[in-house]
Amino acid sequence: MIDAKVHVLVVDDEPDLCWAITQALRPLAYIVKSATSAAQALTYLSQHTYKVAFVDVKIQDMDGLKLASLIRQRSPATRIILISGFYYQEDSAIIEGLKNNLFTSFLAKPFNLAEVRSLAQQAVSFGEL
């Protein structure tokens, strides 16, 4: 289901990665806002509610796991998808984060655009009947 009112936040200090995720979500008609720092992401979060947030683990100004925790505190309904080229699905930090609902999904780099769309759609439809 395409919902033009779905807002998505993408946080990665690599502008090219933000652009790629934004382009991947374009066919879904989501409204995407990109942040290249945790500070910028937190500013955006204070201005708007996001249904989904893609958050990279390695951001220059803050650890992505810490940022995910702050997003969870400020916006408990936001579905967080953690992105990493550093961690893998089997790493204890990822297993614990998923188990404790710090984030809802994990996306390992390199990824393909179909994975991005699929995880976004799953996050958006989570909890809907």
N, C-alpha and C. Protein backbone atom coordinates (compact mmCIF):
# COMPACT_ATOMS: atom_id res chain seq x y z
N MET A 1 0.84 -1.18 0.00
CA MET A 1 0.00 0.00 0.00
C MET A 1 0.89 1.24 0.00
N ILE A 2 0.63 2.15 -0.90
CA ILE A 2 1.40 3.39 -0.95
C ILE A 2 0.70 4.44 -0.12
N ASP A 3 1.44 5.04 0.79
CA ASP A 3 0.90 6.08 1.67
C ASP A 3 1.79 7.29 1.57
N ALA A 4 1.30 8.36 0.93
CA ALA A 4 2.11 9.55 0.70
C ALA A 4 2.41 10.29 2.00
N LYS A 5 1.76 9.91 3.09
CA LYS A 5 1.98 10.62 4.35
C LYS A 5 3.01 9.94 5.25
N VAL A 6 3.66 8.90 4.76
CA VAL A 6 4.67 8.21 5.54
C VAL A 6 5.97 9.01 5.47
N HIS A 7 6.47 9.38 6.64
CA HIS A 7 7.72 10.14 6.73
C HIS A 7 8.83 9.21 7.19
N VAL A 8 9.96 9.28 6.49
CA VAL A 8 11.10 8.42 6.77
C VAL A 8 12.33 9.30 6.98
N LEU A 9 13.10 8.98 8.01
CA LEU A 9 14.35 9.68 8.29
C LEU A 9 15.51 8.74 7.97
N VAL A 10 16.49 9.24 7.23
CA VAL A 10 17.69 8.47 6.90
C VAL A 10 18.87 9.19 7.52
N VAL A 11 19.63 8.47 8.36
CA VAL A 11 20.77 9.08 9.05
C VAL A 11 22.04 8.29 8.69
N ASP A 12 22.91 8.95 7.95
CA ASP A 12 24.20 8.37 7.58
C ASP A 12 25.14 9.50 7.24
N ASP A 13 26.37 9.43 7.71
CA ASP A 13 27.30 10.53 7.42
C ASP A 13 27.87 10.47 6.01
N GLU A 14 27.44 9.49 5.23
CA GLU A 14 27.81 9.41 3.82
C GLU A 14 26.62 9.92 2.99
N PRO A 15 26.72 11.13 2.42
CA PRO A 15 25.61 11.68 1.64
C PRO A 15 25.17 10.77 0.49
N ASP A 16 26.12 10.05 -0.10
CA ASP A 16 25.76 9.15 -1.21
C ASP A 16 24.85 8.02 -0.74
N LEU A 17 25.06 7.54 0.47
CA LEU A 17 24.20 6.49 1.00
C LEU A 17 22.81 7.03 1.30
N CYS A 18 22.75 8.24 1.85
CA CYS A 18 21.45 8.88 2.08
C CYS A 18 20.69 9.01 0.77
N TRP A 19 21.40 9.43 -0.27
CA TRP A 19 20.79 9.60 -1.58
C TRP A 19 20.28 8.26 -2.11
N ALA A 20 21.09 7.21 -1.98
CA ALA A 20 20.70 5.89 -2.49
C ALA A 20 19.44 5.37 -1.79
N ILE A 21 19.38 5.51 -0.47
CA ILE A 21 18.19 5.05 0.25
C ILE A 21 16.98 5.89 -0.14
N THR A 22 17.16 7.19 -0.26
CA THR A 22 16.07 8.06 -0.70
C THR A 22 15.55 7.62 -2.06
N GLN A 23 16.45 7.33 -2.99
CA GLN A 23 16.04 6.89 -4.32
C GLN A 23 15.34 5.54 -4.27
N ALA A 24 15.79 4.66 -3.39
CA ALA A 24 15.15 3.35 -3.25
C ALA A 24 13.71 3.48 -2.77
N LEU A 25 13.46 4.49 -1.93
CA LEU A 25 12.11 4.67 -1.36
C LEU A 25 11.19 5.50 -2.24
N ARG A 26 11.76 6.16 -3.25
CA ARG A 26 10.97 7.03 -4.14
C ARG A 26 9.74 6.33 -4.73
N PRO A 27 9.85 5.08 -5.22
CA PRO A 27 8.66 4.41 -5.78
C PRO A 27 7.54 4.20 -4.78
N LEU A 28 7.86 4.25 -3.49
CA LEU A 28 6.85 4.05 -2.45
C LEU A 28 6.14 5.35 -2.07
N ALA A 29 6.61 6.46 -2.62
CA ALA A 29 6.02 7.78 -2.38
C ALA A 29 6.12 8.22 -0.92
N TYR A 30 7.11 7.73 -0.22
CA TYR A 30 7.36 8.18 1.15
C TYR A 30 8.02 9.55 1.11
N ILE A 31 7.84 10.32 2.15
CA ILE A 31 8.49 11.60 2.29
C ILE A 31 9.77 11.33 3.09
N VAL A 32 10.93 11.51 2.45
CA VAL A 32 12.20 11.13 3.05
C VAL A 32 13.02 12.38 3.38
N LYS A 33 13.55 12.40 4.60
CA LYS A 33 14.43 13.47 5.05
C LYS A 33 15.76 12.81 5.42
N SER A 34 16.85 13.39 4.92
CA SER A 34 18.18 12.83 5.19
C SER A 34 18.95 13.71 6.16
N ALA A 35 19.68 13.06 7.04
CA ALA A 35 20.56 13.75 7.99
C ALA A 35 21.94 13.11 7.89
N THR A 36 22.98 13.95 7.84
CA THR A 36 24.33 13.42 7.76
C THR A 36 25.06 13.47 9.10
N SER A 37 24.32 13.78 10.16
CA SER A 37 24.89 13.75 11.51
C SER A 37 23.78 13.43 12.50
N ALA A 38 24.17 12.97 13.67
CA ALA A 38 23.20 12.69 14.72
C ALA A 38 22.54 13.98 15.19
N ALA A 39 23.32 15.05 15.28
CA ALA A 39 22.78 16.35 15.71
C ALA A 39 21.67 16.81 14.76
N GLN A 40 21.92 16.68 13.47
CA GLN A 40 20.93 17.07 12.48
C GLN A 40 19.69 16.17 12.60
N ALA A 41 19.90 14.87 12.80
CA ALA A 41 18.78 13.94 12.95
C ALA A 41 17.93 14.30 14.15
N LEU A 42 18.56 14.63 15.27
CA LEU A 42 17.82 14.98 16.48
C LEU A 42 17.05 16.29 16.29
N THR A 43 17.60 17.21 15.53
CA THR A 43 16.88 18.44 15.20
C THR A 43 15.63 18.10 14.40
N TYR A 44 15.78 17.27 13.38
CA TYR A 44 14.63 16.86 12.57
C TYR A 44 13.58 16.17 13.42
N LEU A 45 14.02 15.32 14.36
CA LEU A 45 13.09 14.61 15.24
C LEU A 45 12.32 15.55 16.16
N SER A 46 12.93 16.68 16.49
CA SER A 46 12.23 17.64 17.34
C SER A 46 11.19 18.43 16.56
N GLN A 47 11.27 18.37 15.24
CA GLN A 47 10.36 19.12 14.37
C GLN A 47 9.25 18.28 13.76
N HIS A 48 9.47 16.95 13.72
CA HIS A 48 8.51 16.10 13.01
C HIS A 48 8.57 14.68 13.56
N THR A 49 7.50 13.93 13.38
CA THR A 49 7.45 12.53 13.76
C THR A 49 7.69 11.68 12.51
N TYR A 50 8.55 10.71 12.64
CA TYR A 50 8.88 9.82 11.53
C TYR A 50 8.38 8.42 11.82
N LYS A 51 7.77 7.81 10.82
CA LYS A 51 7.28 6.43 10.96
C LYS A 51 8.46 5.45 10.99
N VAL A 52 9.48 5.75 10.16
CA VAL A 52 10.63 4.87 10.01
C VAL A 52 11.90 5.71 10.05
N ALA A 53 12.96 5.16 10.68
CA ALA A 53 14.27 5.81 10.65
C ALA A 53 15.32 4.76 10.30
N PHE A 54 16.07 5.01 9.23
CA PHE A 54 17.24 4.22 8.88
C PHE A 54 18.42 4.89 9.57
N VAL A 55 19.13 4.18 10.43
CA VAL A 55 20.22 4.78 11.21
C VAL A 55 21.49 3.96 11.03
N ASP A 56 22.55 4.62 10.55
CA ASP A 56 23.83 3.95 10.41
C ASP A 56 24.50 3.81 11.77
N VAL A 57 25.21 2.72 11.98
CA VAL A 57 25.88 2.47 13.25
C VAL A 57 27.04 3.44 13.45
N LYS A 58 27.75 3.73 12.39
CA LYS A 58 28.95 4.58 12.49
C LYS A 58 28.65 5.97 11.92
N ILE A 59 28.38 6.90 12.82
CA ILE A 59 28.14 8.30 12.45
C ILE A 59 29.22 9.10 13.17
N GLN A 60 29.74 10.11 12.52
CA GLN A 60 30.89 10.83 13.07
C GLN A 60 30.65 11.44 14.44
N ASP A 61 29.47 11.99 14.69
CA ASP A 61 29.26 12.71 15.94
C ASP A 61 28.59 11.91 17.05
N MET A 62 28.21 10.66 16.77
CA MET A 62 27.58 9.84 17.81
C MET A 62 27.51 8.39 17.34
N ASP A 63 27.65 7.47 18.24
CA ASP A 63 27.46 6.06 17.92
C ASP A 63 26.00 5.85 17.50
N GLY A 64 25.80 5.11 16.43
CA GLY A 64 24.45 4.88 15.92
C GLY A 64 23.55 4.14 16.89
N LEU A 65 24.12 3.27 17.70
CA LEU A 65 23.30 2.58 18.72
C LEU A 65 22.80 3.57 19.76
N LYS A 66 23.63 4.53 20.12
CA LYS A 66 23.21 5.58 21.06
C LYS A 66 22.12 6.44 20.43
N LEU A 67 22.31 6.79 19.15
CA LEU A 67 21.29 7.57 18.46
C LEU A 67 19.97 6.80 18.38
N ALA A 68 20.04 5.52 18.09
CA ALA A 68 18.83 4.70 18.06
C ALA A 68 18.11 4.75 19.40
N SER A 69 18.88 4.69 20.48
CA SER A 69 18.31 4.77 21.82
C SER A 69 17.62 6.12 22.05
N LEU A 70 18.25 7.20 21.62
CA LEU A 70 17.65 8.53 21.76
C LEU A 70 16.38 8.66 20.93
N ILE A 71 16.41 8.12 19.72
CA ILE A 71 15.21 8.15 18.88
C ILE A 71 14.09 7.38 19.56
N ARG A 72 14.41 6.20 20.09
CA ARG A 72 13.41 5.36 20.77
C ARG A 72 12.80 6.12 21.96
N GLN A 73 13.63 6.87 22.72
CA GLN A 73 13.14 7.63 23.86
C GLN A 73 12.23 8.78 23.42
N ARG A 74 12.63 9.48 22.39
CA ARG A 74 11.89 10.67 21.94
C ARG A 74 10.66 10.33 21.10
N SER A 75 10.73 9.21 20.39
CA SER A 75 9.66 8.84 19.47
C SER A 75 9.47 7.33 19.51
N PRO A 76 8.83 6.81 20.55
CA PRO A 76 8.71 5.36 20.73
C PRO A 76 8.03 4.63 19.56
N ALA A 77 7.20 5.32 18.80
CA ALA A 77 6.50 4.66 17.69
C ALA A 77 7.34 4.57 16.42
N THR A 78 8.45 5.27 16.36
CA THR A 78 9.29 5.22 15.17
C THR A 78 9.94 3.84 15.05
N ARG A 79 9.81 3.25 13.88
CA ARG A 79 10.42 1.94 13.62
C ARG A 79 11.84 2.19 13.13
N ILE A 80 12.83 1.73 13.86
CA ILE A 80 14.24 1.98 13.54
C ILE A 80 14.84 0.79 12.81
N ILE A 81 15.48 1.09 11.69
CA ILE A 81 16.21 0.08 10.93
C ILE A 81 17.68 0.45 11.02
N LEU A 82 18.45 -0.37 11.69
CA LEU A 82 19.87 -0.10 11.88
C LEU A 82 20.64 -0.57 10.65
N ILE A 83 21.58 0.26 10.19
CA ILE A 83 22.39 -0.04 9.01
C ILE A 83 23.84 -0.16 9.47
N SER A 84 24.56 -1.16 8.93
CA SER A 84 25.97 -1.27 9.30
C SER A 84 26.78 -2.06 8.30
N GLY A 85 27.98 -1.58 8.07
CA GLY A 85 28.98 -2.33 7.35
C GLY A 85 30.00 -2.87 8.34
N PHE A 86 29.82 -2.55 9.59
CA PHE A 86 30.74 -2.92 10.67
C PHE A 86 30.23 -4.14 11.42
N TYR A 87 28.95 -4.12 11.77
CA TYR A 87 28.33 -5.24 12.47
C TYR A 87 27.67 -6.19 11.48
N TYR A 88 27.41 -7.39 11.95
CA TYR A 88 26.68 -8.38 11.17
C TYR A 88 25.49 -8.87 11.99
N GLN A 89 24.55 -9.50 11.33
CA GLN A 89 23.31 -9.96 11.97
C GLN A 89 23.60 -10.82 13.20
N GLU A 90 24.71 -11.57 13.19
CA GLU A 90 25.01 -12.49 14.28
C GLU A 90 25.74 -11.83 15.46
N ASP A 91 26.17 -10.59 15.32
CA ASP A 91 26.91 -9.93 16.40
C ASP A 91 26.01 -9.69 17.61
N SER A 92 26.61 -9.81 18.79
CA SER A 92 25.83 -9.72 20.02
C SER A 92 25.12 -8.36 20.16
N ALA A 93 25.76 -7.27 19.74
CA ALA A 93 25.11 -5.95 19.84
C ALA A 93 23.84 -5.90 19.00
N ILE A 94 23.86 -6.55 17.86
CA ILE A 94 22.68 -6.57 16.97
C ILE A 94 21.60 -7.48 17.56
N ILE A 95 22.00 -8.65 18.00
CA ILE A 95 21.04 -9.58 18.60
C ILE A 95 20.36 -8.94 19.81
N GLU A 96 21.14 -8.31 20.68
CA GLU A 96 20.58 -7.65 21.86
C GLU A 96 19.67 -6.48 21.49
N GLY A 97 20.08 -5.67 20.52
CA GLY A 97 19.27 -4.53 20.08
C GLY A 97 17.93 -4.97 19.52
N LEU A 98 17.93 -6.04 18.75
CA LEU A 98 16.67 -6.57 18.21
C LEU A 98 15.81 -7.16 19.33
N LYS A 99 16.44 -7.91 20.23
CA LYS A 99 15.72 -8.53 21.34
C LYS A 99 15.08 -7.50 22.26
N ASN A 100 15.78 -6.39 22.48
CA ASN A 100 15.30 -5.34 23.38
C ASN A 100 14.49 -4.26 22.67
N ASN A 101 14.17 -4.49 21.41
CA ASN A 101 13.38 -3.55 20.61
C ASN A 101 14.01 -2.16 20.50
N LEU A 102 15.33 -2.10 20.57
CA LEU A 102 16.02 -0.83 20.32
C LEU A 102 15.83 -0.45 18.85
N PHE A 103 15.90 -1.45 18.00
CA PHE A 103 15.59 -1.27 16.58
C PHE A 103 14.80 -2.49 16.13
N THR A 104 14.07 -2.33 15.03
CA THR A 104 13.17 -3.39 14.59
C THR A 104 13.75 -4.28 13.51
N SER A 105 14.74 -3.74 12.78
CA SER A 105 15.37 -4.49 11.70
C SER A 105 16.83 -4.09 11.59
N PHE A 106 17.57 -4.94 10.89
CA PHE A 106 18.98 -4.69 10.67
C PHE A 106 19.27 -4.86 9.19
N LEU A 107 20.04 -3.93 8.64
CA LEU A 107 20.39 -3.95 7.23
C LEU A 107 21.91 -3.89 7.12
N ALA A 108 22.52 -4.96 6.61
CA ALA A 108 23.97 -5.02 6.48
C ALA A 108 24.40 -4.41 5.15
N LYS A 109 25.50 -3.63 5.21
CA LYS A 109 26.10 -3.10 3.99
C LYS A 109 27.06 -4.16 3.45
N PRO A 110 27.20 -4.31 2.16
CA PRO A 110 26.40 -3.62 1.14
C PRO A 110 25.02 -4.26 1.05
N PHE A 111 24.05 -3.46 0.68
CA PHE A 111 22.68 -3.95 0.56
C PHE A 111 22.17 -3.58 -0.83
N ASN A 112 21.04 -4.19 -1.18
CA ASN A 112 20.43 -3.81 -2.46
C ASN A 112 19.18 -2.99 -2.19
N LEU A 113 18.75 -2.25 -3.18
CA LEU A 113 17.63 -1.33 -3.01
C LEU A 113 16.33 -2.05 -2.72
N ALA A 114 16.17 -3.26 -3.22
CA ALA A 114 14.96 -4.02 -2.93
C ALA A 114 14.87 -4.33 -1.44
N GLU A 115 16.01 -4.61 -0.79
CA GLU A 115 16.03 -4.84 0.66
C GLU A 115 15.56 -3.60 1.41
N VAL A 116 16.03 -2.44 0.98
CA VAL A 116 15.65 -1.17 1.62
C VAL A 116 14.14 -0.99 1.53
N ARG A 117 13.59 -1.16 0.34
CA ARG A 117 12.13 -1.00 0.16
C ARG A 117 11.36 -2.00 0.99
N SER A 118 11.80 -3.25 0.99
CA SER A 118 11.10 -4.30 1.73
C SER A 118 11.09 -4.01 3.23
N LEU A 119 12.24 -3.64 3.79
CA LEU A 119 12.30 -3.34 5.22
C LEU A 119 11.45 -2.11 5.56
N ALA A 120 11.47 -1.11 4.70
CA ALA A 120 10.65 0.08 4.94
C ALA A 120 9.17 -0.28 4.93
N GLN A 121 8.75 -1.08 3.96
CA GLN A 121 7.34 -1.48 3.89
C GLN A 121 6.94 -2.31 5.10
N GLN A 122 7.82 -3.20 5.54
CA GLN A 122 7.53 -4.00 6.74
C GLN A 122 7.39 -3.10 7.96
N ALA A 123 8.27 -2.13 8.08
CA ALA A 123 8.23 -1.22 9.23
C ALA A 123 6.96 -0.39 9.21
N VAL A 124 6.57 0.08 8.04
CA VAL A 124 5.36 0.92 7.92
C VAL A 124 4.12 0.11 8.24
N SER A 125 4.08 -1.14 7.78
CA SER A 125 2.87 -1.95 7.99
C SER A 125 2.85 -2.64 9.35
N PHE A 126 3.95 -2.57 10.11
CA PHE A 126 4.00 -3.22 11.41
C PHE A 126 2.89 -2.67 12.31
N GLY A 127 2.10 -3.57 12.86
CA GLY A 127 1.05 -3.17 13.78
C GLY A 127 -0.27 -2.79 13.11
N GLU A 128 -0.24 -2.71 11.76
CA GLU A 128 -1.49 -2.39 11.05
C GLU A 128 -2.20 -3.68 10.71
N LEU A 129 -3.50 -3.65 10.70
CA LEU A 129 -4.28 -4.85 10.36
C LEU A 129 -4.63 -4.84 8.89
